[in-house]
Amino acid sequence: MDGYAARIRDNSFEAVLTVQFVYLPFDLVNYLADFLRVGWKRFTLATLLGSLPGIVSFVLLGSSVSMNMSTGTMGLDPWAILVSVAVFAGSIAASTYFKMRDDKEENDGSQTEA
C-alpha cells in the first residue's frame, strides 16, 4: 500500500485526473486525496479537467432527448448520443492509457533496480 500511496503523492495531478476520467464517486476521490495529502492546487486543477468529459458526456446524452408536450411525441438526436458515447469512451481510453503508462514506468524502474 505504501508504494501506491507514494506514487499517488508523487504524481498527484495525474492520479486524480485518471480517477476522475473513470467516473469514480467524488466523495471517494476527495477522501482519498485528503488522506494521502494531495496538494489542493493539483487536486483542484485535476478535478476540473477530469470532470469535464463526464459533464459533457452526460449533458449531451440528456440533450439528445426531445419531447413535444403538445403532440406527446418524443425524439432522439443520434448525433448527440454518438458524441456523448465518444466522449465517454475517450475518457475511459485516456484513463487506461495513463494506467498502462504508469505500470510500464513502474516495471521499467523495478527492472533497472534489480
PDB file of N, CA and C in Angstrom:
ATOM      1  N   MET A   1       0.827  -1.204   0.000  1.00  0.00           N
ATOM      2  CA  MET A   1       0.000   0.000   0.000  1.00  0.00           C
ATOM      3  C   MET A   1       0.865   1.261   0.000  1.00  0.00           C
ATOM      4  N   ASP A   2       2.012   1.192   0.677  1.00  0.00           N
ATOM      5  CA  ASP A   2       2.883   2.358   0.743  1.00  0.00           C
ATOM      6  C   ASP A   2       3.401   2.747  -0.630  1.00  0.00           C
ATOM      7  N   GLY A   3       3.623   1.752  -1.498  1.00  0.00           N
ATOM      8  CA  GLY A   3       4.090   2.037  -2.854  1.00  0.00           C
ATOM      9  C   GLY A   3       3.059   2.811  -3.652  1.00  0.00           C
ATOM     10  N   TYR A   4       1.791   2.407  -3.534  1.00  0.00           N
ATOM     11  CA  TYR A   4       0.730   3.118  -4.239  1.00  0.00           C
ATOM     12  C   TYR A   4       0.542   4.523  -3.692  1.00  0.00           C
ATOM     13  N   ALA A   5       0.593   4.645  -2.388  1.00  0.00           N
ATOM     14  CA  ALA A   5       0.431   5.965  -1.766  1.00  0.00           C
ATOM     15  C   ALA A   5       1.555   6.897  -2.206  1.00  0.00           C
ATOM     16  N   ALA A   6       2.765   6.386  -2.267  1.00  0.00           N
ATOM     17  CA  ALA A   6       3.893   7.215  -2.708  1.00  0.00           C
ATOM     18  C   ALA A   6       3.731   7.613  -4.174  1.00  0.00           C
ATOM     19  N   ARG A   7       3.276   6.679  -5.009  1.00  0.00           N
ATOM     20  CA  ARG A   7       3.055   7.006  -6.424  1.00  0.00           C
ATOM     21  C   ARG A   7       1.974   8.077  -6.581  1.00  0.00           C
ATOM     22  N   ILE A   8       0.914   7.973  -5.780  1.00  0.00           N
ATOM     23  CA  ILE A   8      -0.158   8.970  -5.863  1.00  0.00           C
ATOM     24  C   ILE A   8       0.342  10.324  -5.389  1.00  0.00           C
ATOM     25  N   ARG A   9       1.130  10.352  -4.324  1.00  0.00           N
ATOM     26  CA  ARG A   9       1.669  11.625  -3.844  1.00  0.00           C
ATOM     27  C   ARG A   9       2.639  12.233  -4.856  1.00  0.00           C
ATOM     28  N   ASP A  10       3.480  11.391  -5.465  1.00  0.00           N
ATOM     29  CA  ASP A  10       4.460  11.882  -6.432  1.00  0.00           C
ATOM     30  C   ASP A  10       3.813  12.364  -7.723  1.00  0.00           C
ATOM     31  N   ASN A  11       2.747  11.708  -8.150  1.00  0.00           N
ATOM     32  CA  ASN A  11       2.042  12.053  -9.394  1.00  0.00           C
ATOM     33  C   ASN A  11       0.594  12.406  -9.078  1.00  0.00           C
ATOM     34  N   SER A  12       0.388  13.291  -8.127  1.00  0.00           N
ATOM     35  CA  SER A  12      -0.958  13.554  -7.629  1.00  0.00           C
ATOM     36  C   SER A  12      -1.882  14.116  -8.700  1.00  0.00           C
ATOM     37  N   PHE A  13      -1.383  15.009  -9.549  1.00  0.00           N
ATOM     38  CA  PHE A  13      -2.235  15.571 -10.593  1.00  0.00           C
ATOM     39  C   PHE A  13      -2.743  14.470 -11.516  1.00  0.00           C
ATOM     40  N   GLU A  14      -1.832  13.662 -12.000  1.00  0.00           N
ATOM     41  CA  GLU A  14      -2.203  12.592 -12.933  1.00  0.00           C
ATOM     42  C   GLU A  14      -3.085  11.539 -12.263  1.00  0.00           C
ATOM     43  N   ALA A  15      -2.828  11.232 -11.012  1.00  0.00           N
ATOM     44  CA  ALA A  15      -3.630  10.235 -10.301  1.00  0.00           C
ATOM     45  C   ALA A  15      -5.071  10.704 -10.143  1.00  0.00           C
ATOM     46  N   VAL A  16      -5.253  11.937  -9.711  1.00  0.00           N
ATOM     47  CA  VAL A  16      -6.606  12.471  -9.536  1.00  0.00           C
ATOM     48  C   VAL A  16      -7.299  12.593 -10.893  1.00  0.00           C
ATOM     49  N   LEU A  17      -6.573  13.052 -11.905  1.00  0.00           N
ATOM     50  CA  LEU A  17      -7.141  13.172 -13.242  1.00  0.00           C
ATOM     51  C   LEU A  17      -7.614  11.815 -13.746  1.00  0.00           C
ATOM     52  N   THR A  18      -6.820  10.796 -13.538  1.00  0.00           N
ATOM     53  CA  THR A  18      -7.165   9.454 -14.006  1.00  0.00           C
ATOM     54  C   THR A  18      -8.419   8.924 -13.320  1.00  0.00           C
ATOM     55  N   VAL A  19      -8.518   9.084 -12.013  1.00  0.00           N
ATOM     56  CA  VAL A  19      -9.705   8.554 -11.337  1.00  0.00           C
ATOM     57  C   VAL A  19     -10.948   9.372 -11.672  1.00  0.00           C
ATOM     58  N   GLN A  20     -10.777  10.636 -12.010  1.00  0.00           N
ATOM     59  CA  GLN A  20     -11.932  11.423 -12.453  1.00  0.00           C
ATOM     60  C   GLN A  20     -12.408  10.950 -13.823  1.00  0.00           C
ATOM     61  N   PHE A  21     -11.474  10.530 -14.672  1.00  0.00           N
ATOM     62  CA  PHE A  21     -11.835  10.034 -16.004  1.00  0.00           C
ATOM     63  C   PHE A  21     -12.683   8.769 -15.949  1.00  0.00           C
ATOM     64  N   VAL A  22     -12.534   7.972 -14.907  1.00  0.00           N
ATOM     65  CA  VAL A  22     -13.299   6.725 -14.829  1.00  0.00           C
ATOM     66  C   VAL A  22     -14.570   6.884 -13.995  1.00  0.00           C
ATOM     67  N   TYR A  23     -14.931   8.120 -13.694  1.00  0.00           N
ATOM     68  CA  TYR A  23     -16.206   8.440 -13.050  1.00  0.00           C
ATOM     69  C   TYR A  23     -16.365   7.801 -11.673  1.00  0.00           C
ATOM     70  N   LEU A  24     -15.290   7.782 -10.901  1.00  0.00           N
ATOM     71  CA  LEU A  24     -15.421   7.325  -9.523  1.00  0.00           C
ATOM     72  C   LEU A  24     -16.210   8.373  -8.742  1.00  0.00           C
ATOM     73  N   PRO A  25     -16.912   7.962  -7.703  1.00  0.00           N
ATOM     74  CA  PRO A  25     -17.673   8.931  -6.900  1.00  0.00           C
ATOM     75  C   PRO A  25     -16.760  10.021  -6.330  1.00  0.00           C
ATOM     76  N   PHE A  26     -17.223  11.251  -6.405  1.00  0.00           N
ATOM     77  CA  PHE A  26     -16.423  12.382  -5.952  1.00  0.00           C
ATOM     78  C   PHE A  26     -16.035  12.249  -4.484  1.00  0.00           C
ATOM     79  N   ASP A  27     -16.949  11.783  -3.642  1.00  0.00           N
ATOM     80  CA  ASP A  27     -16.631  11.673  -2.215  1.00  0.00           C
ATOM     81  C   ASP A  27     -15.450  10.742  -1.988  1.00  0.00           C
ATOM     82  N   LEU A  28     -15.443   9.613  -2.674  1.00  0.00           N
ATOM     83  CA  LEU A  28     -14.349   8.658  -2.524  1.00  0.00           C
ATOM     84  C   LEU A  28     -13.015   9.284  -2.939  1.00  0.00           C
ATOM     85  N   VAL A  29     -13.014   9.966  -4.063  1.00  0.00           N
ATOM     86  CA  VAL A  29     -11.791  10.617  -4.554  1.00  0.00           C
ATOM     87  C   VAL A  29     -11.355  11.718  -3.590  1.00  0.00           C
ATOM     88  N   ASN A  30     -12.290  12.502  -3.094  1.00  0.00           N
ATOM     89  CA  ASN A  30     -11.972  13.591  -2.161  1.00  0.00           C
ATOM     90  C   ASN A  30     -11.342  13.066  -0.877  1.00  0.00           C
ATOM     91  N   TYR A  31     -11.949  12.047  -0.293  1.00  0.00           N
ATOM     92  CA  TYR A  31     -11.420  11.492   0.953  1.00  0.00           C
ATOM     93  C   TYR A  31     -10.042  10.865   0.742  1.00  0.00           C
ATOM     94  N   LEU A  32      -9.892  10.147  -0.357  1.00  0.00           N
ATOM     95  CA  LEU A  32      -8.613   9.513  -0.644  1.00  0.00           C
ATOM     96  C   LEU A  32      -7.517  10.565  -0.849  1.00  0.00           C
ATOM     97  N   ALA A  33      -7.842  11.620  -1.596  1.00  0.00           N
ATOM     98  CA  ALA A  33      -6.857  12.685  -1.837  1.00  0.00           C
ATOM     99  C   ALA A  33      -6.467  13.373  -0.530  1.00  0.00           C
ATOM    100  N   ASP A  34      -7.423  13.604   0.346  1.00  0.00           N
ATOM    101  CA  ASP A  34      -7.110  14.222   1.624  1.00  0.00           C
ATOM    102  C   ASP A  34      -6.288  13.278   2.498  1.00  0.00           C
ATOM    103  N   PHE A  35      -6.665  12.015   2.524  1.00  0.00           N
ATOM    104  CA  PHE A  35      -5.941  11.029   3.318  1.00  0.00           C
ATOM    105  C   PHE A  35      -4.480  10.918   2.878  1.00  0.00           C
ATOM    106  N   LEU A  36      -4.245  11.014   1.563  1.00  0.00           N
ATOM    107  CA  LEU A  36      -2.893  10.895   1.028  1.00  0.00           C
ATOM    108  C   LEU A  36      -2.167  12.236   0.945  1.00  0.00           C
ATOM    109  N   ARG A  37      -2.812  13.292   1.436  1.00  0.00           N
ATOM    110  CA  ARG A  37      -2.216  14.625   1.484  1.00  0.00           C
ATOM    111  C   ARG A  37      -1.825  15.152   0.096  1.00  0.00           C
ATOM    112  N   VAL A  38      -2.751  15.007  -0.845  1.00  0.00           N
ATOM    113  CA  VAL A  38      -2.544  15.565  -2.184  1.00  0.00           C
ATOM    114  C   VAL A  38      -2.708  17.080  -2.076  1.00  0.00           C
ATOM    115  N   GLY A  39      -1.831  17.830  -2.700  1.00  0.00           N
ATOM    116  CA  GLY A  39      -1.911  19.287  -2.659  1.00  0.00           C
ATOM    117  C   GLY A  39      -3.204  19.804  -3.269  1.00  0.00           C
ATOM    118  N   TRP A  40      -3.773  20.835  -2.658  1.00  0.00           N
ATOM    119  CA  TRP A  40      -5.088  21.294  -3.084  1.00  0.00           C
ATOM    120  C   TRP A  40      -5.065  21.916  -4.482  1.00  0.00           C
ATOM    121  N   LYS A  41      -3.968  22.555  -4.887  1.00  0.00           N
ATOM    122  CA  LYS A  41      -3.907  23.163  -6.220  1.00  0.00           C
ATOM    123  C   LYS A  41      -3.937  22.090  -7.307  1.00  0.00           C
ATOM    124  N   ARG A  42      -3.124  21.072  -7.140  1.00  0.00           N
ATOM    125  CA  ARG A  42      -3.119  19.976  -8.122  1.00  0.00           C
ATOM    126  C   ARG A  42      -4.445  19.245  -8.115  1.00  0.00           C
ATOM    127  N   PHE A  43      -4.996  19.026  -6.932  1.00  0.00           N
ATOM    128  CA  PHE A  43      -6.279  18.340  -6.815  1.00  0.00           C
ATOM    129  C   PHE A  43      -7.378  19.123  -7.522  1.00  0.00           C
ATOM    130  N   THR A  44      -7.421  20.428  -7.296  1.00  0.00           N
ATOM    131  CA  THR A  44      -8.462  21.259  -7.890  1.00  0.00           C
ATOM    132  C   THR A  44      -8.357  21.280  -9.406  1.00  0.00           C
ATOM    133  N   LEU A  45      -7.162  21.484  -9.936  1.00  0.00           N
ATOM    134  CA  LEU A  45      -6.980  21.504 -11.383  1.00  0.00           C
ATOM    135  C   LEU A  45      -7.309  20.151 -12.012  1.00  0.00           C
ATOM    136  N   ALA A  46      -6.842  19.072 -11.404  1.00  0.00           N
ATOM    137  CA  ALA A  46      -7.129  17.733 -11.945  1.00  0.00           C
ATOM    138  C   ALA A  46      -8.619  17.422 -11.880  1.00  0.00           C
ATOM    139  N   THR A  47      -9.288  17.857 -10.826  1.00  0.00           N
ATOM    140  CA  THR A  47     -10.727  17.622 -10.706  1.00  0.00           C
ATOM    141  C   THR A  47     -11.495  18.408 -11.767  1.00  0.00           C
ATOM    142  N   LEU A  48     -11.102  19.667 -11.977  1.00  0.00           N
ATOM    143  CA  LEU A  48     -11.778  20.463 -13.008  1.00  0.00           C
ATOM    144  C   LEU A  48     -11.603  19.845 -14.391  1.00  0.00           C
ATOM    145  N   LEU A  49     -10.377  19.495 -14.739  1.00  0.00           N
ATOM    146  CA  LEU A  49     -10.123  18.918 -16.055  1.00  0.00           C
ATOM    147  C   LEU A  49     -10.691  17.503 -16.182  1.00  0.00           C
ATOM    148  N   GLY A  50     -10.577  16.723 -15.130  1.00  0.00           N
ATOM    149  CA  GLY A  50     -11.059  15.350 -15.177  1.00  0.00           C
ATOM    150  C   GLY A  50     -12.565  15.233 -15.169  1.00  0.00           C
ATOM    151  N   SER A  51     -13.260  16.233 -14.647  1.00  0.00           N
ATOM    152  CA  SER A  51     -14.723  16.207 -14.605  1.00  0.00           C
ATOM    153  C   SER A  51     -15.361  16.634 -15.917  1.00  0.00           C
ATOM    154  N   LEU A  52     -14.632  17.396 -16.720  1.00  0.00           N
ATOM    155  CA  LEU A  52     -15.211  17.915 -17.966  1.00  0.00           C
ATOM    156  C   LEU A  52     -15.750  16.839 -18.905  1.00  0.00           C
ATOM    157  N   PRO A  53     -15.013  15.755 -19.176  1.00  0.00           N
ATOM    158  CA  PRO A  53     -15.577  14.747 -20.082  1.00  0.00           C
ATOM    159  C   PRO A  53     -16.885  14.153 -19.562  1.00  0.00           C
ATOM    160  N   GLY A  54     -16.975  13.899 -18.276  1.00  0.00           N
ATOM    161  CA  GLY A  54     -18.209  13.361 -17.715  1.00  0.00           C
ATOM    162  C   GLY A  54     -19.359  14.341 -17.821  1.00  0.00           C
ATOM    163  N   ILE A  55     -19.084  15.605 -17.529  1.00  0.00           N
ATOM    164  CA  ILE A  55     -20.122  16.629 -17.620  1.00  0.00           C
ATOM    165  C   ILE A  55     -20.619  16.749 -19.057  1.00  0.00           C
ATOM    166  N   VAL A  56     -19.679  16.856 -19.999  1.00  0.00           N
ATOM    167  CA  VAL A  56     -20.048  16.986 -21.414  1.00  0.00           C
ATOM    168  C   VAL A  56     -20.821  15.757 -21.875  1.00  0.00           C
ATOM    169  N   SER A  57     -20.358  14.580 -21.505  1.00  0.00           N
ATOM    170  CA  SER A  57     -20.997  13.338 -21.930  1.00  0.00           C
ATOM    171  C   SER A  57     -22.441  13.248 -21.428  1.00  0.00           C
ATOM    172  N   PHE A  58     -22.649  13.509 -20.155  1.00  0.00           N
ATOM    173  CA  PHE A  58     -23.986  13.374 -19.598  1.00  0.00           C
ATOM    174  C   PHE A  58     -24.924  14.495 -20.036  1.00  0.00           C
ATOM    175  N   VAL A  59     -24.400  15.689 -20.221  1.00  0.00           N
ATOM    176  CA  VAL A  59     -25.247  16.780 -20.720  1.00  0.00           C
ATOM    177  C   VAL A  59     -25.676  16.504 -22.159  1.00  0.00           C
ATOM    178  N   LEU A  60     -24.746  16.032 -22.982  1.00  0.00           N
ATOM    179  CA  LEU A  60     -25.107  15.675 -24.359  1.00  0.00           C
ATOM    180  C   LEU A  60     -26.133  14.554 -24.402  1.00  0.00           C
ATOM    181  N   LEU A  61     -25.971  13.571 -23.542  1.00  0.00           N
ATOM    182  CA  LEU A  61     -26.932  12.474 -23.509  1.00  0.00           C
ATOM    183  C   LEU A  61     -28.319  12.984 -23.127  1.00  0.00           C
ATOM    184  N   GLY A  62     -28.370  13.847 -22.149  1.00  0.00           N
ATOM    185  CA  GLY A  62     -29.658  14.424 -21.746  1.00  0.00           C
ATOM    186  C   GLY A  62     -30.262  15.312 -22.812  1.00  0.00           C
ATOM    187  N   SER A  63     -29.418  16.066 -23.512  1.00  0.00           N
ATOM    188  CA  SER A  63     -29.942  16.966 -24.544  1.00  0.00           C
ATOM    189  C   SER A  63     -30.354  16.216 -25.801  1.00  0.00           C
ATOM    190  N   SER A  64     -29.989  14.956 -25.912  1.00  0.00           N
ATOM    191  CA  SER A  64     -30.364  14.191 -27.106  1.00  0.00           C
ATOM    192  C   SER A  64     -31.841  13.808 -27.093  1.00  0.00           C
ATOM    193  N   VAL A  65     -32.468  13.906 -25.943  1.00  0.00           N
ATOM    194  CA  VAL A  65     -33.885  13.570 -25.823  1.00  0.00           C
ATOM    195  C   VAL A  65     -34.709  14.839 -25.947  1.00  0.00           C
ATOM    196  N   SER A  66     -35.656  14.823 -26.877  1.00  0.00           N
ATOM    197  CA  SER A  66     -36.552  15.967 -27.025  1.00  0.00           C
ATOM    198  C   SER A  66     -37.993  15.489 -26.906  1.00  0.00           C
ATOM    199  N   MET A  67     -38.790  16.306 -26.243  1.00  0.00           N
ATOM    200  CA  MET A  67     -40.199  15.959 -26.061  1.00  0.00           C
ATOM    201  C   MET A  67     -41.064  17.133 -26.488  1.00  0.00           C
ATOM    202  N   ASN A  68     -42.094  16.822 -27.239  1.00  0.00           N
ATOM    203  CA  ASN A  68     -43.062  17.821 -27.639  1.00  0.00           C
ATOM    204  C   ASN A  68     -44.319  17.573 -26.820  1.00  0.00           C
ATOM    205  N   MET A  69     -44.578  18.431 -25.856  1.00  0.00           N
ATOM    206  CA  MET A  69     -45.704  18.225 -24.945  1.00  0.00           C
ATOM    207  C   MET A  69     -47.058  18.379 -25.635  1.00  0.00           C
ATOM    208  N   SER A  70     -47.135  19.239 -26.653  1.00  0.00           N
ATOM    209  CA  SER A  70     -48.431  19.446 -27.311  1.00  0.00           C
ATOM    210  C   SER A  70     -48.857  18.233 -28.134  1.00  0.00           C
ATOM    211  N   THR A  71     -47.910  17.534 -28.724  1.00  0.00           N
ATOM    212  CA  THR A  71     -48.249  16.347 -29.527  1.00  0.00           C
ATOM    213  C   THR A  71     -47.997  15.046 -28.784  1.00  0.00           C
ATOM    214  N   GLY A  72     -47.244  15.125 -27.702  1.00  0.00           N
ATOM    215  CA  GLY A  72     -46.947  13.928 -26.926  1.00  0.00           C
ATOM    216  C   GLY A  72     -45.910  13.033 -27.581  1.00  0.00           C
ATOM    217  N   THR A  73     -45.109  13.596 -28.485  1.00  0.00           N
ATOM    218  CA  THR A  73     -44.086  12.787 -29.155  1.00  0.00           C
ATOM    219  C   THR A  73     -42.718  13.007 -28.508  1.00  0.00           C
ATOM    220  N   MET A  74     -41.891  12.003 -28.678  1.00  0.00           N
ATOM    221  CA  MET A  74     -40.543  12.076 -28.135  1.00  0.00           C
ATOM    222  C   MET A  74     -39.570  11.739 -29.255  1.00  0.00           C
ATOM    223  N   GLY A  75     -38.458  12.441 -29.285  1.00  0.00           N
ATOM    224  CA  GLY A  75     -37.454  12.172 -30.305  1.00  0.00           C
ATOM    225  C   GLY A  75     -36.063  12.071 -29.705  1.00  0.00           C
ATOM    226  N   LEU A  76     -35.181  11.444 -30.456  1.00  0.00           N
ATOM    227  CA  LEU A  76     -33.790  11.304 -30.042  1.00  0.00           C
ATOM    228  C   LEU A  76     -32.884  11.880 -31.116  1.00  0.00           C
ATOM    229  N   ASP A  77     -31.847  12.580 -30.684  1.00  0.00           N
ATOM    230  CA  ASP A  77     -30.844  13.113 -31.605  1.00  0.00           C
ATOM    231  C   ASP A  77     -29.677  12.134 -31.641  1.00  0.00           C
ATOM    232  N   PRO A  78     -29.545  11.359 -32.721  1.00  0.00           N
ATOM    233  CA  PRO A  78     -28.488  10.339 -32.754  1.00  0.00           C
ATOM    234  C   PRO A  78     -27.077  10.929 -32.705  1.00  0.00           C
ATOM    235  N   TRP A  79     -26.877  12.128 -33.228  1.00  0.00           N
ATOM    236  CA  TRP A  79     -25.552  12.744 -33.209  1.00  0.00           C
ATOM    237  C   TRP A  79     -25.132  13.100 -31.791  1.00  0.00           C
ATOM    238  N   ALA A  80     -26.056  13.606 -31.008  1.00  0.00           N
ATOM    239  CA  ALA A  80     -25.737  13.938 -29.617  1.00  0.00           C
ATOM    240  C   ALA A  80     -25.418  12.674 -28.829  1.00  0.00           C
ATOM    241  N   ILE A  81     -26.153  11.607 -29.094  1.00  0.00           N
ATOM    242  CA  ILE A  81     -25.873  10.334 -28.421  1.00  0.00           C
ATOM    243  C   ILE A  81     -24.504   9.819 -28.836  1.00  0.00           C
ATOM    244  N   LEU A  82     -24.198   9.891 -30.124  1.00  0.00           N
ATOM    245  CA  LEU A  82     -22.915   9.414 -30.635  1.00  0.00           C
ATOM    246  C   LEU A  82     -21.748  10.192 -30.027  1.00  0.00           C
ATOM    247  N   VAL A  83     -21.857  11.507 -29.981  1.00  0.00           N
ATOM    248  CA  VAL A  83     -20.788  12.328 -29.395  1.00  0.00           C
ATOM    249  C   VAL A  83     -20.667  12.041 -27.898  1.00  0.00           C
ATOM    250  N   SER A  84     -21.795  11.864 -27.229  1.00  0.00           N
ATOM    251  CA  SER A  84     -21.774  11.538 -25.803  1.00  0.00           C
ATOM    252  C   SER A  84     -21.033  10.230 -25.549  1.00  0.00           C
ATOM    253  N   VAL A  85     -21.341   9.217 -26.333  1.00  0.00           N
ATOM    254  CA  VAL A  85     -20.669   7.918 -26.179  1.00  0.00           C
ATOM    255  C   VAL A  85     -19.185   8.045 -26.523  1.00  0.00           C
ATOM    256  N   ALA A  86     -18.859   8.838 -27.541  1.00  0.00           N
ATOM    257  CA  ALA A  86     -17.456   9.029 -27.934  1.00  0.00           C
ATOM    258  C   ALA A  86     -16.661   9.726 -26.823  1.00  0.00           C
ATOM    259  N   VAL A  87     -17.235  10.734 -26.209  1.00  0.00           N
ATOM    260  CA  VAL A  87     -16.555  11.436 -25.107  1.00  0.00           C
ATOM    261  C   VAL A  87     -16.373  10.489 -23.919  1.00  0.00           C
ATOM    262  N   PHE A  88     -17.407   9.727 -23.618  1.00  0.00           N
ATOM    263  CA  PHE A  88     -17.332   8.760 -22.526  1.00  0.00           C
ATOM    264  C   PHE A  88     -16.234   7.732 -22.802  1.00  0.00           C
ATOM    265  N   ALA A  89     -16.223   7.166 -23.999  1.00  0.00           N
ATOM    266  CA  ALA A  89     -15.214   6.169 -24.364  1.00  0.00           C
ATOM    267  C   ALA A  89     -13.816   6.783 -24.378  1.00  0.00           C
ATOM    268  N   GLY A  90     -13.701   8.034 -24.832  1.00  0.00           N
ATOM    269  CA  GLY A  90     -12.412   8.713 -24.853  1.00  0.00           C
ATOM    270  C   GLY A  90     -11.848   8.917 -23.463  1.00  0.00           C
ATOM    271  N   SER A  91     -12.699   9.234 -22.501  1.00  0.00           N
ATOM    272  CA  SER A  91     -12.203   9.428 -21.137  1.00  0.00           C
ATOM    273  C   SER A  91     -11.767   8.098 -20.517  1.00  0.00           C
ATOM    274  N   ILE A  92     -12.483   7.032 -20.820  1.00  0.00           N
ATOM    275  CA  ILE A  92     -12.071   5.707 -20.328  1.00  0.00           C
ATOM    276  C   ILE A  92     -10.753   5.308 -20.986  1.00  0.00           C
ATOM    277  N   ALA A  93     -10.613   5.586 -22.291  1.00  0.00           N
ATOM    278  CA  ALA A  93      -9.365   5.263 -23.001  1.00  0.00           C
ATOM    279  C   ALA A  93      -8.196   6.071 -22.437  1.00  0.00           C
ATOM    280  N   ALA A  94      -8.414   7.338 -22.131  1.00  0.00           N
ATOM    281  CA  ALA A  94      -7.347   8.162 -21.554  1.00  0.00           C
ATOM    282  C   ALA A  94      -6.933   7.630 -20.194  1.00  0.00           C
ATOM    283  N   SER A  95      -7.891   7.218 -19.398  1.00  0.00           N
ATOM    284  CA  SER A  95      -7.577   6.646 -18.094  1.00  0.00           C
ATOM    285  C   SER A  95      -6.771   5.361 -18.244  1.00  0.00           C
ATOM    286  N   THR A  96      -7.162   4.526 -19.184  1.00  0.00           N
ATOM    287  CA  THR A  96      -6.437   3.277 -19.435  1.00  0.00           C
ATOM    288  C   THR A  96      -5.016   3.558 -19.903  1.00  0.00           C
ATOM    289  N   TYR A  97      -4.868   4.550 -20.770  1.00  0.00           N
ATOM    290  CA  TYR A  97      -3.536   4.930 -21.254  1.00  0.00           C
ATOM    291  C   TYR A  97      -2.631   5.365 -20.099  1.00  0.00           C
ATOM    292  N   PHE A  98      -3.144   6.239 -19.229  1.00  0.00           N
ATOM    293  CA  PHE A  98      -2.347   6.705 -18.092  1.00  0.00           C
ATOM    294  C   PHE A  98      -1.975   5.542 -17.174  1.00  0.00           C
ATOM    295  N   LYS A  99      -2.912   4.646 -16.949  1.00  0.00           N
ATOM    296  CA  LYS A  99      -2.653   3.495 -16.081  1.00  0.00           C
ATOM    297  C   LYS A  99      -1.583   2.591 -16.694  1.00  0.00           C
ATOM    298  N   MET A 100      -1.689   2.306 -17.990  1.00  0.00           N
ATOM    299  CA  MET A 100      -0.702   1.450 -18.650  1.00  0.00           C
ATOM    300  C   MET A 100       0.675   2.108 -18.649  1.00  0.00           C
ATOM    301  N   ARG A 101       0.723   3.420 -18.856  1.00  0.00           N
ATOM    302  CA  ARG A 101       1.990   4.142 -18.850  1.00  0.00           C
ATOM    303  C   ARG A 101       2.636   4.105 -17.468  1.00  0.00           C
ATOM    304  N   ASP A 102       1.821   4.287 -16.429  1.00  0.00           N
ATOM    305  CA  ASP A 102       2.346   4.212 -15.068  1.00  0.00           C
ATOM    306  C   ASP A 102       2.858   2.814 -14.750  1.00  0.00           C
ATOM    307  N   ASP A 103       2.113   1.800 -15.168  1.00  0.00           N
ATOM    308  CA  ASP A 103       2.548   0.425 -14.928  1.00  0.00           C
ATOM    309  C   ASP A 103       3.847   0.131 -15.657  1.00  0.00           C
ATOM    310  N   LYS A 104       3.980   0.630 -16.881  1.00  0.00           N
ATOM    311  CA  LYS A 104       5.200   0.413 -17.662  1.00  0.00           C
ATOM    312  C   LYS A 104       6.384   1.108 -16.988  1.00  0.00           C
ATOM    313  N   GLU A 105       6.181   2.346 -16.533  1.00  0.00           N
ATOM    314  CA  GLU A 105       7.258   3.073 -15.849  1.00  0.00           C
ATOM    315  C   GLU A 105       7.651   2.363 -14.558  1.00  0.00           C
ATOM    316  N   GLU A 106       6.672   1.815 -13.844  1.00  0.00           N
ATOM    317  CA  GLU A 106       6.977   1.101 -12.603  1.00  0.00           C
ATOM    318  C   GLU A 106       7.756  -0.169 -12.906  1.00  0.00           C
ATOM    319  N   ASN A 107       7.358  -0.902 -13.941  1.00  0.00           N
ATOM    320  CA  ASN A 107       8.067  -2.129 -14.309  1.00  0.00           C
ATOM    321  C   ASN A 107       9.479  -1.825 -14.816  1.00  0.00           C
ATOM    322  N   ASP A 108       9.631  -0.768 -15.591  1.00  0.00           N
ATOM    323  CA  ASP A 108      10.954  -0.372 -16.071  1.00  0.00           C
ATOM    324  C   ASP A 108      11.863   0.016 -14.906  1.00  0.00           C
ATOM    325  N   GLY A 109      11.307   0.720 -13.945  1.00  0.00           N
ATOM    326  CA  GLY A 109      12.078   1.147 -12.776  1.00  0.00           C
ATOM    327  C   GLY A 109      12.487  -0.018 -11.904  1.00  0.00           C
ATOM    328  N   SER A 110      11.593  -1.008 -11.742  1.00  0.00           N
ATOM    329  CA  SER A 110      11.927  -2.145 -10.894  1.00  0.00           C
ATOM    330  C   SER A 110      12.923  -3.073 -11.572  1.00  0.00           C
ATOM    331  N   GLN A 111      12.947  -3.121 -12.910  1.00  0.00           N
ATOM    332  CA  GLN A 111      13.900  -3.975 -13.619  1.00  0.00           C
ATOM    333  C   GLN A 111      15.302  -3.379 -13.557  1.00  0.00           C
ATOM    334  N   THR A 112      15.406  -2.053 -13.593  1.00  0.00           N
ATOM    335  CA  THR A 112      16.735  -1.440 -13.542  1.00  0.00           C
ATOM    336  C   THR A 112      17.341  -1.511 -12.146  1.00  0.00           C
ATOM    337  N   GLU A 113      16.476  -1.575 -11.118  1.00  0.00           N
ATOM    338  CA  GLU A 113      16.951  -1.659  -9.738  1.00  0.00           C
ATOM    339  C   GLU A 113      17.468  -3.045  -9.416  1.00  0.00           C
ATOM    340  N   ALA A 114      16.934  -4.075 -10.076  1.00  0.00           N
ATOM    341  CA  ALA A 114      17.267  -5.468  -9.735  1.00  0.00           C
ATOM    342  C   ALA A 114      18.655  -5.862 -10.135  1.00  0.00           C
TER     343      ALA A 114
END
